[in-house]
Amino acid sequence: MRTIYCVIASIGLSVFAESLSAQQSGEPASSMQAALESCQALLSTDFTRVQDAPLQIVDARVVPASGKKAAYCRVQGYVLPQVGIEMRLPIAHWNGKLLEVGDGGWGGAMYLFLCEGPVRRGYACIASDMGHKGATHLGLWAQDNLQAREDYGFRATHVTALAGRALVRAYYAKGASKSYMLGCSTGGYQGLVESQRFPWDFDGIVAVAPDAVSEADVSMRQVWKFRNLLSSEGKPILAPTDLELLHQAALQACDLTDGVKDGVIGDPIGCKFDPAVLACREGRTSGCLSAQQIQAARNVYAGPRTSAGVPIATRGVFAGSEMDWQVDSGSSAEVEEFFKYMLYRPAPGSSWKITDFDFDHDYQRLGLGALYTDNNPDLRRFKAAGGKLIVAQGGIDGLEIPGAIFDYYETVERTMGGRESTTDFFRLFVVPGMRHCSAGDGAFAVDYLGYLDTWVEEGRPPDVMIGAHVDTNYLLDHSEDTGSAKDRVWWAAFKLMFPLDPDIPVSFTRPLYPYPMFAKYKGKGDPNDARNFAAVTPSTPTEPVH
């Protein structure tokens, strides 16, 4: 069914209310007209006095229900001077809660697809463009624009939360009972920033694949990956067949750590894999890797080093992620945008390239990105405010370079006084076999918001979360995006709505346990059923914790 957008206007309002009411299964026309009038009234409400977030509304429309999508009041506007926002306020069955969703890349867009499932569940949902408009892989907006950099770094996420509260109060005539934040990648970064800088904004935060140090540090780690995977001529050092060879060898080394051979490394953090097992030698000249290729792979796993071998960042990607290492001369364009426009100030007329980064000296300049940091382990104020934090990281994420989040979590534990005093408000999960944010060979489909809500509302922490692997053919058939099959599957997986509809085919499920635990097959029962797995810790890898 084609979604119809209707601009609220006084002419024909009652007629439209009757039409919309017919779609709302039992909602009387009088109630619907009241909702429509409330939506229209937002246009004439003065929000310029919202403290720290003066807001201007530019449009308010009602979007009728369509299929499984609920009807909502769509509000568009901006927080002065330039933070664009869009909010979706459920017309019927509001659950009394507010949700802010994060952005991606270098911002500029709004990941409003993340609102669709929550709005269906009754959440009022808001998103922002982080202070500028444009494609998320471009960074020109930041050049000589301190306001935009500040908005991207931390301000936009905060003022969007304030704007959301004001809109909820104006539309429903009461404030939200609970406020949540949900995001991945840049959205995960936004979530960590909120817990550190504005710990009173949200009762609960879900941060998936955050960089957990700074945008500058993760960008350096990406440059390291590209520099090691591309030759000086910009050609891939590892061809697709080489990556497949490397991937299969990694699985051979670590696939059975979870007790089942399923093409997924269940404990990617603890996987010990040396690509030297694939070294070419006398009598073995095919199905092997050269010394250059082996060193490149070792470097990608290990993370950035100086020419003297001194580590200058956390570890790199985990074994099992090799099929996401395919690069070409254009792969580094997005990270180059960061150094050209958001961090350094290149000489006039110069064009910064990843080959310009000096790993012996330039890591010392990353402090110029102080606006883009999310590495403060002192979360005492967030905990004292009653906040709950769920962080998840894909085991085969090749984009966010996942080692940093585990280093950050362990630093938080030391800062907060130990594991017990940390896990009562902050839990970190590894999702084995998950790519960046979603998709992959593992059980990537997780209802994070549901687990967070239960923790906040009922005081029941997520001792275990259940992930599902949605059938790849289903995702491909239901993708609305263009590009390669791999990209289309990724977007379709990222856009899944939770809880999953019963007609969505699930290949298998897995339990996800708080770090450092991981799931291990009990040895009997269907290995595709999460109930047949138990938690183990790295210190007792063969003894399930029942």
Protein backbone atom coordinates (compact mmCIF):
# COMPACT_ATOMS: atom_id res chain seq x y z
CA MET A 1 0.00 0.00 0.00
CA ARG A 2 1.34 3.40 -0.91
CA THR A 3 1.84 5.61 2.17
CA ILE A 4 -0.11 8.85 1.88
CA TYR A 5 1.21 12.00 3.50
CA CYS A 6 -1.48 14.54 4.31
CA VAL A 7 -0.63 18.08 5.33
CA ILE A 8 -2.66 19.18 8.31
CA ALA A 9 -4.95 22.02 7.41
CA SER A 10 -8.10 23.39 8.91
CA ILE A 11 -10.03 22.86 5.64
CA GLY A 12 -11.26 19.29 5.47
CA LEU A 13 -9.84 18.36 8.87
CA SER A 14 -12.93 16.56 10.09
CA VAL A 15 -13.27 14.62 6.81
CA PHE A 16 -9.67 13.47 7.06
CA ALA A 17 -10.16 12.52 10.72
CA GLU A 18 -13.06 10.26 9.79
CA SER A 19 -10.98 8.63 7.03
CA LEU A 20 -8.02 8.11 9.32
CA SER A 21 -10.21 6.79 12.12
CA ALA A 22 -11.43 4.01 9.84
CA GLN A 23 -7.83 2.74 9.70
CA GLN A 24 -7.33 2.76 13.47
CA SER A 25 -9.50 -0.22 14.46
CA GLY A 26 -11.94 1.23 16.90
CA GLU A 27 -10.62 4.76 17.42
CA PRO A 28 -13.62 7.12 17.29
CA ALA A 29 -13.56 10.00 14.81
CA SER A 30 -13.66 12.50 17.67
CA SER A 31 -10.45 11.08 19.15
CA MET A 32 -8.74 11.11 15.78
CA GLN A 33 -9.76 14.70 15.12
CA ALA A 34 -8.33 15.68 18.51
CA ALA A 35 -5.07 13.98 17.58
CA LEU A 36 -4.97 15.78 14.25
CA GLU A 37 -5.63 19.11 15.89
CA SER A 38 -2.87 18.44 18.42
CA CYS A 39 -0.47 17.71 15.58
CA GLN A 40 -1.44 20.89 13.77
CA ALA A 41 -1.13 22.90 16.97
CA LEU A 42 2.59 22.13 17.13
CA LEU A 43 3.10 24.47 14.17
CA SER A 44 1.90 27.44 16.18
CA THR A 45 3.53 26.48 19.48
CA ASP A 46 6.50 28.57 20.59
CA PHE A 47 9.44 26.24 21.28
CA THR A 48 12.09 28.93 21.11
CA ARG A 49 12.27 29.03 24.90
CA VAL A 50 13.32 25.39 25.29
CA GLN A 51 16.38 25.73 27.49
CA ASP A 52 19.63 25.00 25.62
CA ALA A 53 17.64 23.81 22.60
CA PRO A 54 15.57 26.63 21.05
CA LEU A 55 13.42 24.85 18.49
CA GLN A 56 11.63 25.96 15.33
CA ILE A 57 8.95 23.71 13.82
CA VAL A 58 8.67 23.98 10.04
CA ASP A 59 6.16 21.24 9.26
CA ALA A 60 3.69 18.92 11.00
CA ARG A 61 1.92 16.20 9.04
CA VAL A 62 -0.12 13.14 9.87
CA VAL A 63 1.04 9.90 8.28
CA PRO A 64 -1.86 7.41 8.23
CA ALA A 65 -1.42 3.77 9.16
CA SER A 66 -0.15 1.63 6.30
CA GLY A 67 0.12 -2.13 6.56
CA LYS A 68 1.94 -2.86 9.80
CA LYS A 69 3.01 0.75 10.24
CA ALA A 70 1.06 2.74 12.81
CA ALA A 71 -0.25 6.25 12.21
CA TYR A 72 1.82 9.07 13.64
CA CYS A 73 2.25 12.83 13.70
CA ARG A 74 5.43 13.64 11.81
CA VAL A 75 7.15 16.82 12.97
CA GLN A 76 10.08 18.46 11.21
CA GLY A 77 12.15 21.38 12.42
CA TYR A 78 15.54 22.46 13.66
CA VAL A 79 17.27 23.40 16.87
CA LEU A 80 19.06 26.71 16.49
CA PRO A 81 21.23 27.32 14.68
CA GLN A 82 21.31 24.28 12.38
CA VAL A 83 20.46 20.91 13.95
CA GLY A 84 17.73 19.38 11.81
CA ILE A 85 15.27 17.08 13.62
CA GLU A 86 12.34 14.87 12.71
CA MET A 87 9.99 13.29 15.21
CA ARG A 88 7.29 10.66 14.93
CA LEU A 89 4.58 10.80 17.59
CA PRO A 90 2.22 7.79 17.63
CA ILE A 91 -1.39 8.89 17.33
CA ALA A 92 -2.83 5.87 19.10
CA HIS A 93 -1.30 3.56 21.72
CA TRP A 94 1.60 5.76 22.81
CA ASN A 95 3.46 3.78 25.48
CA GLY A 96 4.49 6.93 27.33
CA LYS A 97 8.16 6.68 26.31
CA LEU A 98 10.59 8.67 24.18
CA LEU A 99 13.32 7.20 21.97
CA GLU A 100 16.13 9.00 20.16
CA VAL A 101 17.89 7.13 17.35
CA GLY A 102 21.42 7.82 16.16
CA ASP A 103 22.94 8.59 12.77
CA GLY A 104 25.71 6.99 10.71
CA GLY A 105 28.98 7.92 9.05
CA TRP A 106 29.82 11.61 9.33
CA GLY A 107 26.15 12.50 9.89
CA GLY A 108 24.07 14.67 7.60
CA ALA A 109 21.17 12.26 7.18
CA MET A 110 18.62 10.79 9.56
CA TYR A 111 18.33 7.05 10.14
CA LEU A 112 14.58 7.27 10.52
CA PHE A 113 14.15 3.63 9.53
CA LEU A 114 15.29 2.90 13.08
CA CYS A 115 12.08 4.57 14.28
CA GLU A 116 9.69 2.34 12.34
CA GLY A 117 9.70 -0.65 14.69
CA PRO A 118 9.67 1.42 17.89
CA VAL A 119 6.80 3.63 16.64
CA ARG A 120 4.83 0.47 15.90
CA ARG A 121 5.49 -0.54 19.51
CA GLY A 122 4.25 2.82 20.78
CA TYR A 123 7.46 4.82 21.29
CA ALA A 124 7.64 8.48 20.30
CA CYS A 125 10.83 8.59 18.22
CA ILE A 126 13.14 11.42 17.20
CA ALA A 127 16.26 11.67 15.02
CA SER A 128 18.64 14.43 13.98
CA ASP A 129 21.06 15.17 11.14
CA MET A 130 23.77 15.99 13.75
CA GLY A 131 23.94 19.61 12.66
CA HIS A 132 24.35 19.52 8.88
CA LYS A 133 22.85 18.02 5.76
CA GLY A 134 24.48 15.80 3.18
CA ALA A 135 25.65 12.27 2.42
CA THR A 136 27.01 10.47 5.46
CA HIS A 137 30.31 9.64 3.73
CA LEU A 138 31.21 13.29 3.05
CA GLY A 139 32.96 15.72 5.41
CA LEU A 140 33.22 19.05 3.56
CA TRP A 141 30.61 20.51 5.93
CA ALA A 142 33.23 20.56 8.70
CA GLN A 143 35.83 22.71 6.96
CA ASP A 144 36.26 25.94 8.95
CA ASN A 145 32.89 25.29 10.64
CA LEU A 146 33.38 25.04 14.39
CA GLN A 147 29.65 25.10 15.10
CA ALA A 148 29.04 22.10 12.86
CA ARG A 149 31.95 20.22 14.42
CA GLU A 150 30.61 20.88 17.90
CA ASP A 151 27.14 19.76 16.86
CA TYR A 152 28.48 16.55 15.36
CA GLY A 153 30.80 15.88 18.27
CA PHE A 154 28.27 16.11 21.10
CA ARG A 155 25.76 18.97 21.01
CA ALA A 156 23.28 17.73 18.40
CA THR A 157 22.52 14.48 20.22
CA HIS A 158 21.89 16.33 23.47
CA VAL A 159 19.68 19.11 22.08
CA THR A 160 17.70 16.55 20.09
CA ALA A 161 16.87 14.81 23.36
CA LEU A 162 15.72 18.14 24.81
CA ALA A 163 13.63 18.89 21.71
CA GLY A 164 12.04 15.46 21.89
CA ARG A 165 10.98 16.00 25.48
CA ALA A 166 9.43 19.35 24.61
CA LEU A 167 7.51 17.95 21.64
CA VAL A 168 6.23 14.99 23.65
CA ARG A 169 5.01 17.28 26.40
CA ALA A 170 3.30 19.61 23.95
CA TYR A 171 1.62 16.87 21.91
CA TYR A 172 0.51 14.50 24.69
CA ALA A 173 0.08 17.15 27.41
CA LYS A 174 2.46 15.20 29.66
CA GLY A 175 6.11 14.25 29.73
CA ALA A 176 7.62 10.91 28.80
CA SER A 177 7.84 8.37 31.61
CA LYS A 178 11.15 7.03 30.25
CA SER A 179 13.68 8.20 27.67
CA TYR A 180 15.98 5.93 25.66
CA MET A 181 18.75 6.23 23.08
CA LEU A 182 19.43 3.64 20.34
CA GLY A 183 22.13 3.76 17.68
CA CYS A 184 24.86 1.90 15.85
CA SER A 185 28.27 2.97 14.56
CA THR A 186 28.12 6.78 14.74
CA GLY A 187 24.87 6.21 16.61
CA GLY A 188 26.77 4.01 19.07
CA TYR A 189 29.33 6.78 19.46
CA GLN A 190 26.46 9.17 20.18
CA GLY A 191 25.16 6.84 22.88
CA LEU A 192 28.51 6.65 24.67
CA VAL A 193 28.90 10.43 24.42
CA GLU A 194 25.53 10.88 26.09
CA SER A 195 26.39 8.53 28.96
CA GLN A 196 29.60 10.49 29.57
CA ARG A 197 28.68 14.13 28.86
CA PHE A 198 24.93 14.26 29.52
CA PRO A 199 24.24 11.34 31.87
CA TRP A 200 20.80 12.67 32.81
CA ASP A 201 19.32 12.72 29.28
CA PHE A 202 18.35 9.04 29.07
CA ASP A 203 17.19 6.29 31.41
CA GLY A 204 18.76 3.73 29.10
CA ILE A 205 21.09 3.61 26.11
CA VAL A 206 21.84 0.98 23.47
CA ALA A 207 25.15 1.60 21.70
CA VAL A 208 26.03 -0.91 18.98
CA ALA A 209 29.50 -0.87 17.37
CA PRO A 210 30.71 2.37 18.99
CA ASP A 211 34.32 3.37 18.40
CA ALA A 212 34.86 3.75 22.18
CA VAL A 213 37.97 5.96 21.90
CA SER A 214 37.41 8.78 19.43
CA GLU A 215 36.47 9.28 15.81
CA ALA A 216 40.09 10.26 15.22
CA ASP A 217 41.46 7.04 16.70
CA VAL A 218 39.10 4.73 14.83
CA SER A 219 39.87 6.64 11.63
CA MET A 220 43.57 6.03 12.19
CA ARG A 221 42.86 2.33 12.70
CA GLN A 222 40.95 2.29 9.42
CA VAL A 223 43.86 3.99 7.66
CA TRP A 224 46.14 1.28 9.07
CA LYS A 225 43.87 -1.40 7.65
CA PHE A 226 43.75 0.19 4.20
CA ARG A 227 47.49 0.86 4.14
CA ASN A 228 48.18 -2.81 4.84
CA LEU A 229 45.62 -4.18 2.39
CA LEU A 230 46.55 -1.92 -0.54
CA SER A 231 49.86 -1.83 -2.38
CA SER A 232 51.68 1.42 -3.10
CA GLU A 233 49.93 1.38 -6.49
CA GLY A 234 46.51 1.14 -4.79
CA LYS A 235 45.96 -2.51 -5.74
CA PRO A 236 44.60 -5.11 -3.29
CA ILE A 237 47.36 -7.20 -1.72
CA LEU A 238 44.87 -9.96 -0.94
CA ALA A 239 42.60 -11.04 -3.80
CA PRO A 240 39.10 -12.42 -3.04
CA THR A 241 40.46 -15.97 -3.34
CA ASP A 242 43.21 -15.12 -0.85
CA LEU A 243 40.67 -13.72 1.60
CA GLU A 244 38.55 -16.85 1.28
CA LEU A 245 41.65 -18.95 1.98
CA LEU A 246 42.48 -16.84 5.01
CA HIS A 247 38.90 -16.96 6.26
CA GLN A 248 38.67 -20.75 6.02
CA ALA A 249 41.96 -21.11 7.86
CA ALA A 250 40.66 -18.84 10.66
CA LEU A 251 37.53 -20.97 10.92
CA GLN A 252 39.64 -24.11 10.98
CA ALA A 253 41.53 -22.68 13.94
CA CYS A 254 38.63 -21.31 15.99
CA ASP A 255 35.20 -22.39 14.71
CA LEU A 256 34.85 -25.15 17.31
CA THR A 257 35.50 -22.90 20.31
CA ASP A 258 31.72 -22.81 20.85
CA GLY A 259 31.40 -26.58 20.47
CA VAL A 260 29.71 -26.59 17.07
CA LYS A 261 31.07 -26.30 13.54
CA ASP A 262 28.81 -23.67 12.03
CA GLY A 263 31.04 -21.26 10.13
CA VAL A 264 30.99 -18.78 13.04
CA ILE A 265 33.77 -18.14 15.56
CA GLY A 266 31.90 -18.12 18.85
CA ASP A 267 34.77 -16.56 20.82
CA PRO A 268 36.38 -14.09 18.41
CA ILE A 269 38.23 -12.29 21.20
CA GLY A 270 40.02 -15.42 22.36
CA CYS A 271 40.72 -16.82 18.90
CA LYS A 272 44.45 -17.47 18.43
CA PHE A 273 45.15 -17.61 14.72
CA ASP A 274 48.41 -17.05 12.89
CA PRO A 275 48.08 -16.69 9.10
CA ALA A 276 51.60 -18.12 8.79
CA VAL A 277 49.96 -21.57 8.57
CA LEU A 278 49.17 -20.60 4.96
CA ALA A 279 52.74 -19.68 4.01
CA CYS A 280 53.91 -20.74 0.59
CA ARG A 281 57.02 -22.91 0.63
CA GLU A 282 58.85 -25.41 -1.47
CA GLY A 283 56.33 -27.84 -2.86
CA ARG A 284 53.41 -25.58 -1.92
CA THR A 285 52.93 -22.78 -4.43
CA SER A 286 49.13 -22.69 -4.72
CA GLY A 287 46.48 -22.37 -2.05
CA CYS A 288 48.96 -20.41 0.02
CA LEU A 289 49.98 -16.83 0.87
CA SER A 290 53.19 -14.94 0.22
CA ALA A 291 55.30 -13.48 3.01
CA GLN A 292 53.95 -10.00 2.12
CA GLN A 293 50.34 -11.20 2.33
CA ILE A 294 50.92 -12.95 5.66
CA GLN A 295 52.50 -9.84 7.15
CA ALA A 296 49.63 -7.71 5.86
CA ALA A 297 47.10 -10.02 7.54
CA ARG A 298 49.07 -10.05 10.79
CA ASN A 299 49.16 -6.26 10.78
CA VAL A 300 45.41 -5.96 10.21
CA TYR A 301 44.71 -8.30 13.13
CA ALA A 302 47.24 -6.57 15.41
CA GLY A 303 46.36 -2.91 14.89
CA PRO A 304 48.51 0.19 14.32
CA ARG A 305 52.22 0.19 15.14
CA THR A 306 55.08 2.60 14.62
CA SER A 307 57.94 1.57 12.35
CA ALA A 308 59.70 0.38 15.52
CA GLY A 309 56.77 -1.92 16.34
CA VAL A 310 55.35 0.17 19.21
CA PRO A 311 51.53 -0.17 19.50
CA ILE A 312 49.75 3.18 19.13
CA ALA A 313 46.13 2.00 19.38
CA THR A 314 44.09 -0.98 20.49
CA ARG A 315 44.13 -4.24 18.56
CA GLY A 316 42.66 -4.51 15.09
CA VAL A 317 39.90 -6.70 13.69
CA PHE A 318 39.13 -10.23 14.88
CA ALA A 319 39.71 -13.50 13.07
CA GLY A 320 36.63 -14.42 11.06
CA SER A 321 36.19 -10.95 9.54
CA GLU A 322 38.35 -11.62 6.47
CA MET A 323 35.51 -11.62 3.93
CA ASP A 324 34.94 -7.96 4.79
CA TRP A 325 38.53 -7.03 3.94
CA GLN A 326 37.89 -6.51 0.24
CA VAL A 327 39.20 -3.07 -0.66
CA ASP A 328 40.08 -1.04 -3.72
CA SER A 329 41.51 2.39 -4.43
CA GLY A 330 38.17 4.02 -3.62
CA SER A 331 37.51 2.21 -0.34
CA SER A 332 39.36 4.77 1.77
CA ALA A 333 37.46 7.80 0.47
CA GLU A 334 35.23 8.16 3.54
CA VAL A 335 38.05 8.07 6.07
CA GLU A 336 40.04 10.54 3.94
CA GLU A 337 37.14 12.98 4.31
CA PHE A 338 37.64 12.92 8.08
CA PHE A 339 41.32 13.83 7.96
CA LYS A 340 40.87 16.43 5.21
CA TYR A 341 37.95 18.34 6.67
CA MET A 342 37.13 17.28 10.23
CA LEU A 343 40.58 16.90 11.79
CA TYR A 344 43.57 18.38 9.99
CA ARG A 345 43.81 21.58 8.01
CA PRO A 346 45.79 20.58 4.90
CA ALA A 347 47.74 23.21 3.03
CA PRO A 348 45.67 25.11 0.42
CA GLY A 349 45.30 23.10 -2.74
CA SER A 350 46.50 19.85 -1.17
CA SER A 351 44.43 16.68 -1.20
CA TRP A 352 45.05 14.46 1.81
CA LYS A 353 45.36 10.72 1.11
CA ILE A 354 45.77 7.77 3.42
CA THR A 355 49.34 7.44 2.17
CA ASP A 356 50.07 10.80 3.83
CA PHE A 357 49.52 9.45 7.34
CA ASP A 358 52.82 9.00 9.20
CA PHE A 359 52.44 6.26 11.80
CA ASP A 360 55.62 7.40 13.54
CA HIS A 361 54.32 10.92 14.23
CA ASP A 362 50.74 11.67 13.14
CA TYR A 363 49.09 9.66 15.93
CA GLN A 364 50.42 12.39 18.22
CA ARG A 365 48.17 14.88 16.40
CA LEU A 366 44.90 13.04 17.05
CA GLY A 367 44.18 15.30 20.03
CA LEU A 368 42.98 17.83 17.46
CA GLY A 369 39.84 15.68 17.36
CA ALA A 370 38.98 16.36 21.00
CA LEU A 371 35.41 17.26 20.01
CA TYR A 372 34.89 13.71 18.75
CA THR A 373 35.78 11.62 21.81
CA ASP A 374 33.76 9.01 23.69
CA ASN A 375 36.41 7.37 25.88
CA ASN A 376 35.72 8.70 29.40
CA PRO A 377 35.45 5.60 31.65
CA ASP A 378 34.10 7.58 34.61
CA LEU A 379 30.40 6.74 34.40
CA ARG A 380 29.61 7.43 38.06
CA ARG A 381 27.10 10.17 37.23
CA PHE A 382 25.30 7.98 34.71
CA LYS A 383 25.06 5.15 37.22
CA ALA A 384 23.96 7.49 40.02
CA ALA A 385 21.20 8.81 37.76
CA GLY A 386 19.90 5.25 37.40
CA GLY A 387 21.00 4.90 33.76
CA LYS A 388 21.41 1.53 32.07
CA LEU A 389 23.81 0.90 29.20
CA ILE A 390 23.84 -2.00 26.73
CA VAL A 391 26.74 -2.10 24.27
CA ALA A 392 27.04 -4.72 21.53
CA GLN A 393 29.87 -5.40 19.10
CA GLY A 394 29.87 -7.63 16.05
CA GLY A 395 32.56 -10.29 16.07
CA ILE A 396 33.39 -9.86 12.38
CA ASP A 397 32.99 -6.09 12.20
CA GLY A 398 35.68 -4.90 9.79
CA LEU A 399 34.67 -1.25 9.83
CA GLU A 400 34.55 -0.16 13.47
CA ILE A 401 37.77 -2.08 14.35
CA PRO A 402 36.24 -3.71 17.44
CA GLY A 403 39.16 -4.12 19.84
CA ALA A 404 38.66 -0.66 21.34
CA ILE A 405 35.30 -1.33 22.98
CA PHE A 406 36.64 -4.23 25.05
CA ASP A 407 39.60 -2.16 26.20
CA TYR A 408 37.16 0.62 27.12
CA TYR A 409 34.88 -1.73 29.05
CA GLU A 410 37.77 -3.14 31.08
CA THR A 411 38.86 0.42 31.86
CA VAL A 412 35.33 1.21 33.04
CA GLU A 413 35.43 -1.83 35.33
CA ARG A 414 38.67 -0.60 36.91
CA THR A 415 37.26 2.91 37.24
CA MET A 416 33.92 1.85 38.70
CA GLY A 417 35.39 -0.54 41.27
CA GLY A 418 35.11 -3.95 39.65
CA ARG A 419 32.89 -6.14 37.53
CA GLU A 420 29.95 -6.40 39.92
CA SER A 421 29.66 -2.65 40.37
CA THR A 422 29.85 -2.24 36.59
CA THR A 423 27.46 -4.92 35.40
CA ASP A 424 24.65 -3.58 37.55
CA PHE A 425 24.35 -0.71 35.04
CA PHE A 426 26.60 -1.50 32.02
CA ARG A 427 26.77 -4.73 30.03
CA LEU A 428 28.84 -5.44 26.94
CA PHE A 429 27.95 -8.19 24.47
CA VAL A 430 29.85 -9.77 21.61
CA VAL A 431 27.66 -10.91 18.71
CA PRO A 432 29.71 -13.66 17.01
CA GLY A 433 29.55 -13.61 13.24
CA MET A 434 27.88 -10.18 13.04
CA ARG A 435 29.20 -7.60 10.60
CA HIS A 436 29.08 -3.86 11.23
CA CYS A 437 25.78 -3.17 13.03
CA SER A 438 23.98 -6.19 11.55
CA ALA A 439 24.00 -9.05 9.01
CA GLY A 440 26.74 -11.66 8.69
CA ASP A 441 26.90 -15.38 9.40
CA GLY A 442 25.91 -15.16 13.06
CA ALA A 443 22.76 -14.52 15.10
CA PHE A 444 22.70 -10.80 14.33
CA ALA A 445 19.01 -9.98 14.85
CA VAL A 446 18.63 -8.84 18.47
CA ASP A 447 15.81 -6.88 20.11
CA TYR A 448 18.15 -4.58 22.04
CA LEU A 449 15.43 -2.06 22.84
CA GLY A 450 13.21 -4.73 24.35
CA TYR A 451 15.99 -5.94 26.65
CA LEU A 452 16.85 -2.36 27.64
CA ASP A 453 13.24 -1.51 28.42
CA THR A 454 12.87 -4.60 30.61
CA TRP A 455 16.05 -3.69 32.49
CA VAL A 456 14.95 -0.10 33.10
CA GLU A 457 11.27 -0.71 33.79
CA GLU A 458 11.40 -4.03 35.64
CA GLY A 459 14.90 -4.07 37.05
CA ARG A 460 15.73 -7.32 35.26
CA PRO A 461 19.22 -7.05 33.74
CA PRO A 462 19.99 -8.88 30.48
CA ASP A 463 21.85 -11.90 31.83
CA VAL A 464 21.36 -13.32 28.35
CA MET A 465 20.00 -11.94 25.09
CA ILE A 466 18.76 -14.12 22.24
CA GLY A 467 19.99 -13.39 18.74
CA ALA A 468 18.54 -14.81 15.54
CA HIS A 469 19.99 -15.41 12.10
CA VAL A 470 17.40 -14.30 9.56
CA ASP A 471 17.46 -16.20 6.28
CA THR A 472 19.69 -14.46 3.73
CA ASN A 473 17.35 -15.10 0.80
CA TYR A 474 14.50 -13.53 2.74
CA LEU A 475 16.59 -10.42 3.39
CA LEU A 476 17.61 -10.22 -0.25
CA ASP A 477 14.02 -10.59 -1.43
CA HIS A 478 12.81 -7.90 0.98
CA SER A 479 15.58 -5.37 0.39
CA GLU A 480 14.49 -1.96 -0.85
CA ASP A 481 18.05 -0.78 -1.48
CA THR A 482 20.35 -0.93 -4.48
CA GLY A 483 23.91 -2.14 -4.82
CA SER A 484 25.56 -5.52 -4.50
CA ALA A 485 23.70 -8.46 -3.01
CA LYS A 486 25.94 -8.23 0.06
CA ASP A 487 25.07 -4.57 0.61
CA ARG A 488 21.37 -5.16 0.04
CA VAL A 489 21.34 -7.97 2.60
CA TRP A 490 23.17 -5.75 5.08
CA TRP A 491 20.69 -2.89 4.77
CA ALA A 492 17.71 -5.23 4.98
CA ALA A 493 19.15 -6.78 8.14
CA PHE A 494 19.84 -3.36 9.66
CA LYS A 495 16.25 -2.30 8.97
CA LEU A 496 14.57 -5.32 10.60
CA MET A 497 11.81 -4.37 13.04
CA PHE A 498 11.52 -5.97 16.46
CA PRO A 499 10.15 -8.13 17.82
CA LEU A 500 10.56 -10.12 14.61
CA ASP A 501 7.28 -11.01 12.94
CA PRO A 502 6.55 -14.75 13.17
CA ASP A 503 6.53 -15.09 9.36
CA ILE A 504 10.20 -14.04 9.10
CA PRO A 505 12.30 -17.17 8.53
CA VAL A 506 14.98 -17.74 11.18
CA SER A 507 17.75 -20.22 10.42
CA PHE A 508 19.07 -20.51 13.98
CA THR A 509 19.23 -18.73 17.33
CA ARG A 510 22.06 -18.20 19.80
CA PRO A 511 22.29 -16.88 23.34
CA LEU A 512 24.48 -13.82 23.87
CA TYR A 513 26.08 -13.42 27.27
CA PRO A 514 27.72 -10.39 28.90
CA TYR A 515 31.45 -10.05 28.22
CA PRO A 516 33.69 -11.92 28.90
CA MET A 517 31.35 -14.94 28.71
CA PHE A 518 30.39 -16.58 25.44
CA ALA A 519 28.00 -19.35 24.40
CA LYS A 520 29.05 -23.00 24.13
CA TYR A 521 27.01 -25.91 22.82
CA LYS A 522 25.96 -28.31 25.59
CA GLY A 523 26.68 -31.32 23.40
CA LYS A 524 23.13 -32.48 22.81
CA GLY A 525 19.98 -31.14 21.28
CA ASP A 526 19.46 -29.07 18.15
CA PRO A 527 22.52 -26.81 17.66
CA ASN A 528 20.27 -24.32 15.86
CA ASP A 529 18.33 -23.71 19.09
CA ALA A 530 19.70 -21.21 21.61
CA ARG A 531 18.33 -23.30 24.47
CA ASN A 532 21.00 -25.91 23.84
CA PHE A 533 23.85 -23.56 24.65
CA ALA A 534 25.23 -22.36 27.98
CA ALA A 535 27.60 -19.65 29.15
CA VAL A 536 31.30 -20.25 29.60
CA THR A 537 34.10 -17.92 30.57
CA PRO A 538 37.52 -17.82 28.92
CA SER A 539 39.09 -19.27 32.08
CA THR A 540 36.86 -22.35 31.97
CA PRO A 541 36.32 -22.92 28.23
CA THR A 542 35.12 -26.52 28.51
CA GLU A 543 32.74 -26.25 31.46
CA PRO A 544 29.32 -24.69 30.71
CA VAL A 545 27.93 -22.42 33.41
CA HIS A 546 24.38 -23.65 34.13
